[in-house]
PDB file of N, CA and C in Angstrom:
ATOM      1  N   MET A   1     128.321 122.003 241.960  1.00  0.00           N
ATOM      2  CA  MET A   1     128.718 120.987 241.014  1.00  0.00           C
ATOM      3  C   MET A   1     127.457 120.316 240.472  1.00  0.00           C
ATOM      4  N   LYS A   2     127.397 120.139 239.176  1.00  0.00           N
ATOM      5  CA  LYS A   2     126.268 119.481 238.534  1.00  0.00           C
ATOM      6  C   LYS A   2     126.287 117.982 238.818  1.00  0.00           C
ATOM      7  N   ALA A   3     125.109 117.387 238.727  1.00  0.00           N
ATOM      8  CA  ALA A   3     125.013 115.931 238.879  1.00  0.00           C
ATOM      9  C   ALA A   3     125.745 115.266 237.713  1.00  0.00           C
ATOM     10  N   ASN A   4     126.453 114.190 238.028  1.00  0.00           N
ATOM     11  CA  ASN A   4     127.159 113.459 236.968  1.00  0.00           C
ATOM     12  C   ASN A   4     126.194 112.486 236.288  1.00  0.00           C
ATOM     13  N   LEU A   5     126.683 111.798 235.287  1.00  0.00           N
ATOM     14  CA  LEU A   5     125.846 110.887 234.505  1.00  0.00           C
ATOM     15  C   LEU A   5     125.169 109.833 235.384  1.00  0.00           C
ATOM     16  N   THR A   6     125.923 109.241 236.283  1.00  0.00           N
ATOM     17  CA  THR A   6     125.361 108.204 237.163  1.00  0.00           C
ATOM     18  C   THR A   6     124.257 108.787 238.035  1.00  0.00           C
ATOM     19  N   GLN A   7     124.507 109.937 238.619  1.00  0.00           N
ATOM     20  CA  GLN A   7     123.503 110.562 239.479  1.00  0.00           C
ATOM     21  C   GLN A   7     122.255 110.941 238.690  1.00  0.00           C
ATOM     22  N   ARG A   8     122.434 111.429 237.473  1.00  0.00           N
ATOM     23  CA  ARG A   8     121.283 111.765 236.634  1.00  0.00           C
ATOM     24  C   ARG A   8     120.472 110.514 236.299  1.00  0.00           C
ATOM     25  N   CYS A   9     121.144 109.419 236.014  1.00  0.00           N
ATOM     26  CA  CYS A   9     120.440 108.160 235.714  1.00  0.00           C
ATOM     27  C   CYS A   9     119.662 107.661 236.933  1.00  0.00           C
ATOM     28  N   LEU A  10     120.272 107.741 238.100  1.00  0.00           N
ATOM     29  CA  LEU A  10     119.584 107.332 239.327  1.00  0.00           C
ATOM     30  C   LEU A  10     118.342 108.197 239.545  1.00  0.00           C
ATOM     31  N   CYS A  11     118.493 109.501 239.360  1.00  0.00           N
ATOM     32  CA  CYS A  11     117.353 110.408 239.517  1.00  0.00           C
ATOM     33  C   CYS A  11     116.272 110.117 238.487  1.00  0.00           C
ATOM     34  N   ASP A  12     116.670 109.783 237.274  1.00  0.00           N
ATOM     35  CA  ASP A  12     115.690 109.436 236.238  1.00  0.00           C
ATOM     36  C   ASP A  12     114.876 108.208 236.629  1.00  0.00           C
ATOM     37  N   VAL A  13     115.537 107.205 237.191  1.00  0.00           N
ATOM     38  CA  VAL A  13     114.821 105.994 237.618  1.00  0.00           C
ATOM     39  C   VAL A  13     113.821 106.348 238.722  1.00  0.00           C
ATOM     40  N   ILE A  14     114.258 107.159 239.687  1.00  0.00           N
ATOM     41  CA  ILE A  14     113.360 107.572 240.767  1.00  0.00           C
ATOM     42  C   ILE A  14     112.170 108.331 240.188  1.00  0.00           C
ATOM     43  N   PHE A  15     112.452 109.319 239.359  1.00  0.00           N
ATOM     44  CA  PHE A  15     111.413 110.155 238.767  1.00  0.00           C
ATOM     45  C   PHE A  15     110.410 109.311 237.981  1.00  0.00           C
ATOM     46  N   ASN A  16     110.903 108.395 237.163  1.00  0.00           N
ATOM     47  CA  ASN A  16     110.018 107.558 236.351  1.00  0.00           C
ATOM     48  C   ASN A  16     109.163 106.633 237.203  1.00  0.00           C
ATOM     49  N   GLN A  17     109.758 106.035 238.220  1.00  0.00           N
ATOM     50  CA  GLN A  17     108.989 105.127 239.071  1.00  0.00           C
ATOM     51  C   GLN A  17     107.922 105.877 239.846  1.00  0.00           C
ATOM     52  N   VAL A  18     108.276 106.998 240.430  1.00  0.00           N
ATOM     53  CA  VAL A  18     107.304 107.770 241.213  1.00  0.00           C
ATOM     54  C   VAL A  18     106.170 108.266 240.311  1.00  0.00           C
ATOM     55  N   GLY A  19     106.503 108.682 239.112  1.00  0.00           N
ATOM     56  CA  GLY A  19     105.469 109.101 238.166  1.00  0.00           C
ATOM     57  C   GLY A  19     104.543 107.953 237.803  1.00  0.00           C
ATOM     58  N   PHE A  20     105.123 106.773 237.647  1.00  0.00           N
ATOM     59  CA  PHE A  20     104.335 105.581 237.346  1.00  0.00           C
ATOM     60  C   PHE A  20     103.356 105.301 238.480  1.00  0.00           C
ATOM     61  N   TRP A  21     103.828 105.386 239.723  1.00  0.00           N
ATOM     62  CA  TRP A  21     102.945 105.162 240.863  1.00  0.00           C
ATOM     63  C   TRP A  21     101.844 106.215 240.906  1.00  0.00           C
ATOM     64  N   LYS A  22     102.246 107.469 240.728  1.00  0.00           N
ATOM     65  CA  LYS A  22     101.309 108.586 240.839  1.00  0.00           C
ATOM     66  C   LYS A  22     100.180 108.473 239.816  1.00  0.00           C
ATOM     67  N   ASN A  23     100.501 108.049 238.635  1.00  0.00           N
ATOM     68  CA  ASN A  23      99.510 108.008 237.558  1.00  0.00           C
ATOM     69  C   ASN A  23      98.880 106.633 237.354  1.00  0.00           C
ATOM     70  N   SER A  24      99.212 105.698 238.210  1.00  0.00           N
ATOM     71  CA  SER A  24      98.676 104.343 238.098  1.00  0.00           C
ATOM     72  C   SER A  24      97.184 104.322 238.428  1.00  0.00           C
ATOM     73  N   ASN A  25      96.463 103.467 237.737  1.00  0.00           N
ATOM     74  CA  ASN A  25      95.055 103.295 238.096  1.00  0.00           C
ATOM     75  C   ASN A  25      94.892 102.270 239.228  1.00  0.00           C
ATOM     76  N   ASP A  26      96.001 101.668 239.664  1.00  0.00           N
ATOM     77  CA  ASP A  26      95.957 100.724 240.789  1.00  0.00           C
ATOM     78  C   ASP A  26      97.320 100.704 241.482  1.00  0.00           C
ATOM     79  N   ILE A  27      97.504 101.619 242.408  1.00  0.00           N
ATOM     80  CA  ILE A  27      98.790 101.708 243.089  1.00  0.00           C
ATOM     81  C   ILE A  27      99.065 100.468 243.942  1.00  0.00           C
ATOM     82  N   THR A  28      98.031  99.693 244.239  1.00  0.00           N
ATOM     83  CA  THR A  28      98.224  98.486 245.043  1.00  0.00           C
ATOM     84  C   THR A  28      98.621  97.266 244.210  1.00  0.00           C
ATOM     85  N   SER A  29      98.736  97.438 242.915  1.00  0.00           N
ATOM     86  CA  SER A  29      99.087  96.336 242.026  1.00  0.00           C
ATOM     87  C   SER A  29     100.475  95.783 242.343  1.00  0.00           C
ATOM     88  N   LEU A  30     100.597  94.473 242.291  1.00  0.00           N
ATOM     89  CA  LEU A  30     101.896  93.838 242.519  1.00  0.00           C
ATOM     90  C   LEU A  30     102.873  94.101 241.375  1.00  0.00           C
ATOM     91  N   THR A  31     102.397  94.735 240.330  1.00  0.00           N
ATOM     92  CA  THR A  31     103.277  95.119 239.223  1.00  0.00           C
ATOM     93  C   THR A  31     104.323  96.131 239.678  1.00  0.00           C
ATOM     94  N   HIS A  32     103.959  97.010 240.566  1.00  0.00           N
ATOM     95  CA  HIS A  32     104.860  98.083 240.962  1.00  0.00           C
ATOM     96  C   HIS A  32     106.152  97.583 241.614  1.00  0.00           C
ATOM     97  N   PRO A  33     106.093  96.725 242.618  1.00  0.00           N
ATOM     98  CA  PRO A  33     107.351  96.245 243.194  1.00  0.00           C
ATOM     99  C   PRO A  33     108.224  95.478 242.194  1.00  0.00           C
ATOM    100  N   SER A  34     107.602  94.674 241.360  1.00  0.00           N
ATOM    101  CA  SER A  34     108.421  93.936 240.391  1.00  0.00           C
ATOM    102  C   SER A  34     108.966  94.861 239.315  1.00  0.00           C
ATOM    103  N   ASP A  35     108.224  95.908 238.981  1.00  0.00           N
ATOM    104  CA  ASP A  35     108.706  96.873 238.001  1.00  0.00           C
ATOM    105  C   ASP A  35     109.925  97.625 238.519  1.00  0.00           C
ATOM    106  N   ILE A  36     109.976  97.880 239.802  1.00  0.00           N
ATOM    107  CA  ILE A  36     111.140  98.547 240.392  1.00  0.00           C
ATOM    108  C   ILE A  36     112.392  97.725 240.108  1.00  0.00           C
ATOM    109  N   ALA A  37     112.327  96.446 240.391  1.00  0.00           N
ATOM    110  CA  ALA A  37     113.485  95.574 240.156  1.00  0.00           C
ATOM    111  C   ALA A  37     113.851  95.519 238.677  1.00  0.00           C
ATOM    112  N   ASP A  38     112.857  95.367 237.824  1.00  0.00           N
ATOM    113  CA  ASP A  38     113.107  95.292 236.383  1.00  0.00           C
ATOM    114  C   ASP A  38     113.737  96.571 235.857  1.00  0.00           C
ATOM    115  N   GLU A  39     113.205  97.702 236.276  1.00  0.00           N
ATOM    116  CA  GLU A  39     113.700  98.991 235.788  1.00  0.00           C
ATOM    117  C   GLU A  39     115.107  99.285 236.306  1.00  0.00           C
ATOM    118  N   CYS A  40     115.372  98.954 237.555  1.00  0.00           N
ATOM    119  CA  CYS A  40     116.725  99.156 238.096  1.00  0.00           C
ATOM    120  C   CYS A  40     117.741  98.328 237.314  1.00  0.00           C
ATOM    121  N   PHE A  41     117.394  97.101 237.032  1.00  0.00           N
ATOM    122  CA  PHE A  41     118.310  96.251 236.276  1.00  0.00           C
ATOM    123  C   PHE A  41     118.505  96.807 234.867  1.00  0.00           C
ATOM    124  N   ALA A  42     117.408  97.160 234.221  1.00  0.00           N
ATOM    125  CA  ALA A  42     117.490  97.628 232.830  1.00  0.00           C
ATOM    126  C   ALA A  42     118.277  98.933 232.702  1.00  0.00           C
ATOM    127  N   GLN A  43     118.087  99.841 233.629  1.00  0.00           N
ATOM    128  CA  GLN A  43     118.701 101.161 233.508  1.00  0.00           C
ATOM    129  C   GLN A  43     120.086 101.264 234.137  1.00  0.00           C
ATOM    130  N   LEU A  44     120.395 100.395 235.094  1.00  0.00           N
ATOM    131  CA  LEU A  44     121.609 100.586 235.891  1.00  0.00           C
ATOM    132  C   LEU A  44     122.599  99.435 235.828  1.00  0.00           C
ATOM    133  N   ASP A  45     122.265  98.371 235.109  1.00  0.00           N
ATOM    134  CA  ASP A  45     123.080  97.156 235.116  1.00  0.00           C
ATOM    135  C   ASP A  45     124.550  97.414 234.805  1.00  0.00           C
ATOM    136  N   ASN A  46     124.853  98.186 233.807  1.00  0.00           N
ATOM    137  CA  ASN A  46     126.247  98.430 233.436  1.00  0.00           C
ATOM    138  C   ASN A  46     126.782  99.754 233.977  1.00  0.00           C
ATOM    139  N   LEU A  47     125.988 100.420 234.803  1.00  0.00           N
ATOM    140  CA  LEU A  47     126.365 101.741 235.288  1.00  0.00           C
ATOM    141  C   LEU A  47     126.924 101.707 236.703  1.00  0.00           C
ATOM    142  N   ILE A  48     126.325 100.884 237.556  1.00  0.00           N
ATOM    143  CA  ILE A  48     126.785 100.772 238.942  1.00  0.00           C
ATOM    144  C   ILE A  48     126.932  99.291 239.287  1.00  0.00           C
ATOM    145  N   SER A  49     127.594  99.031 240.386  1.00  0.00           N
ATOM    146  CA  SER A  49     127.821  97.628 240.778  1.00  0.00           C
ATOM    147  C   SER A  49     126.500  96.954 241.135  1.00  0.00           C
ATOM    148  N   ASP A  50     126.500  95.634 241.107  1.00  0.00           N
ATOM    149  CA  ASP A  50     125.303  94.874 241.479  1.00  0.00           C
ATOM    150  C   ASP A  50     124.877  95.188 242.909  1.00  0.00           C
ATOM    151  N   ASP A  51     125.848  95.292 243.812  1.00  0.00           N
ATOM    152  CA  ASP A  51     125.515  95.609 245.210  1.00  0.00           C
ATOM    153  C   ASP A  51     124.845  96.971 245.326  1.00  0.00           C
ATOM    154  N   ASP A  52     125.372  97.969 244.613  1.00  0.00           N
ATOM    155  CA  ASP A  52     124.773  99.304 244.651  1.00  0.00           C
ATOM    156  C   ASP A  52     123.394  99.306 244.009  1.00  0.00           C
ATOM    157  N   ARG A  53     123.242  98.574 242.916  1.00  0.00           N
ATOM    158  CA  ARG A  53     121.948  98.491 242.249  1.00  0.00           C
ATOM    159  C   ARG A  53     120.912  97.853 243.156  1.00  0.00           C
ATOM    160  N   LEU A  54     121.288  96.790 243.839  1.00  0.00           N
ATOM    161  CA  LEU A  54     120.362  96.120 244.758  1.00  0.00           C
ATOM    162  C   LEU A  54     120.008  97.015 245.944  1.00  0.00           C
ATOM    163  N   GLU A  55     120.973  97.781 246.434  1.00  0.00           N
ATOM    164  CA  GLU A  55     120.704  98.718 247.532  1.00  0.00           C
ATOM    165  C   GLU A  55     119.742  99.810 247.070  1.00  0.00           C
ATOM    166  N   PHE A  56     119.976 100.326 245.868  1.00  0.00           N
ATOM    167  CA  PHE A  56     119.101 101.352 245.308  1.00  0.00           C
ATOM    168  C   PHE A  56     117.686 100.804 245.119  1.00  0.00           C
ATOM    169  N   GLU A  57     117.591  99.596 244.600  1.00  0.00           N
ATOM    170  CA  GLU A  57     116.300  98.945 244.417  1.00  0.00           C
ATOM    171  C   GLU A  57     115.572  98.815 245.756  1.00  0.00           C
ATOM    172  N   GLU A  58     116.299  98.423 246.783  1.00  0.00           N
ATOM    173  CA  GLU A  58     115.709  98.277 248.120  1.00  0.00           C
ATOM    174  C   GLU A  58     115.183  99.614 248.627  1.00  0.00           C
ATOM    175  N   LYS A  59     115.935 100.681 248.381  1.00  0.00           N
ATOM    176  CA  LYS A  59     115.499 102.002 248.831  1.00  0.00           C
ATOM    177  C   LYS A  59     114.250 102.460 248.076  1.00  0.00           C
ATOM    178  N   LEU A  60     114.175 102.165 246.787  1.00  0.00           N
ATOM    179  CA  LEU A  60     112.969 102.488 246.035  1.00  0.00           C
ATOM    180  C   LEU A  60     111.779 101.670 246.524  1.00  0.00           C
ATOM    181  N   GLN A  61     112.022 100.400 246.845  1.00  0.00           N
ATOM    182  CA  GLN A  61     110.960  99.555 247.405  1.00  0.00           C
ATOM    183  C   GLN A  61     110.468 100.156 248.727  1.00  0.00           C
ATOM    184  N   ASP A  62     111.408 100.601 249.569  1.00  0.00           N
ATOM    185  CA  ASP A  62     111.032 101.226 250.840  1.00  0.00           C
ATOM    186  C   ASP A  62     110.167 102.458 250.608  1.00  0.00           C
ATOM    187  N   LEU A  63     110.546 103.274 249.640  1.00  0.00           N
ATOM    188  CA  LEU A  63     109.769 104.469 249.322  1.00  0.00           C
ATOM    189  C   LEU A  63     108.374 104.083 248.838  1.00  0.00           C
ATOM    190  N   TYR A  64     108.306 103.090 247.962  1.00  0.00           N
ATOM    191  CA  TYR A  64     107.005 102.625 247.475  1.00  0.00           C
ATOM    192  C   TYR A  64     106.128 102.175 248.643  1.00  0.00           C
ATOM    193  N   TRP A  65     106.672 101.353 249.529  1.00  0.00           N
ATOM    194  CA  TRP A  65     105.859 100.849 250.640  1.00  0.00           C
ATOM    195  C   TRP A  65     105.504 101.953 251.624  1.00  0.00           C
ATOM    196  N   PHE A  66     106.352 102.979 251.742  1.00  0.00           N
ATOM    197  CA  PHE A  66     105.990 104.131 252.580  1.00  0.00           C
ATOM    198  C   PHE A  66     104.778 104.841 251.979  1.00  0.00           C
ATOM    199  N   VAL A  67     104.796 105.074 250.687  1.00  0.00           N
ATOM    200  CA  VAL A  67     103.660 105.711 250.021  1.00  0.00           C
ATOM    201  C   VAL A  67     102.402 104.858 250.196  1.00  0.00           C
ATOM    202  N   ARG A  68     102.553 103.558 250.072  1.00  0.00           N
ATOM    203  CA  ARG A  68     101.426 102.640 250.220  1.00  0.00           C
ATOM    204  C   ARG A  68     100.857 102.641 251.630  1.00  0.00           C
ATOM    205  N   ARG A  69     101.623 103.077 252.583  1.00  0.00           N
ATOM    206  CA  ARG A  69     101.144 103.123 253.966  1.00  0.00           C
ATOM    207  C   ARG A  69      99.872 103.971 254.071  1.00  0.00           C
ATOM    208  N   PHE A  70      99.684 104.884 253.140  1.00  0.00           N
ATOM    209  CA  PHE A  70      98.566 105.810 253.173  1.00  0.00           C
ATOM    210  C   PHE A  70      97.436 105.412 252.223  1.00  0.00           C
ATOM    211  N   ASP A  71      97.294 104.108 251.969  1.00  0.00           N
ATOM    212  CA  ASP A  71      96.254 103.601 251.062  1.00  0.00           C
ATOM    213  C   ASP A  71      94.852 104.046 251.464  1.00  0.00           C
ATOM    214  N   ASN A  72      94.589 104.140 252.734  1.00  0.00           N
ATOM    215  CA  ASN A  72      93.229 104.421 253.193  1.00  0.00           C
ATOM    216  C   ASN A  72      92.992 105.891 253.509  1.00  0.00           C
ATOM    217  N   LYS A  73      93.885 106.761 253.084  1.00  0.00           N
ATOM    218  CA  LYS A  73      93.723 108.204 253.316  1.00  0.00           C
ATOM    219  C   LYS A  73      93.149 108.847 252.065  1.00  0.00           C
ATOM    220  N   GLU A  74      92.479 109.926 252.224  1.00  0.00           N
ATOM    221  CA  GLU A  74      91.963 110.688 251.080  1.00  0.00           C
ATOM    222  C   GLU A  74      92.739 111.941 250.918  1.00  0.00           C
TER     223      GLU A  74
END
């Protein structure tokens, strides 16, 4: 079964955020966590419930902070 519209939108938000982090000239910038919240609201506000949007935002924040765990690795 193909991904539905909601699933595709969720994947798009993930893809865009991860790409933003990957290509950032400062992955440690406080812009990234706030951008996650802004982008989730902008892209998902009328698509999923507020509770689901906040849960999704939290999961993206967790992923961001997991990636940041490796700040001192080459």
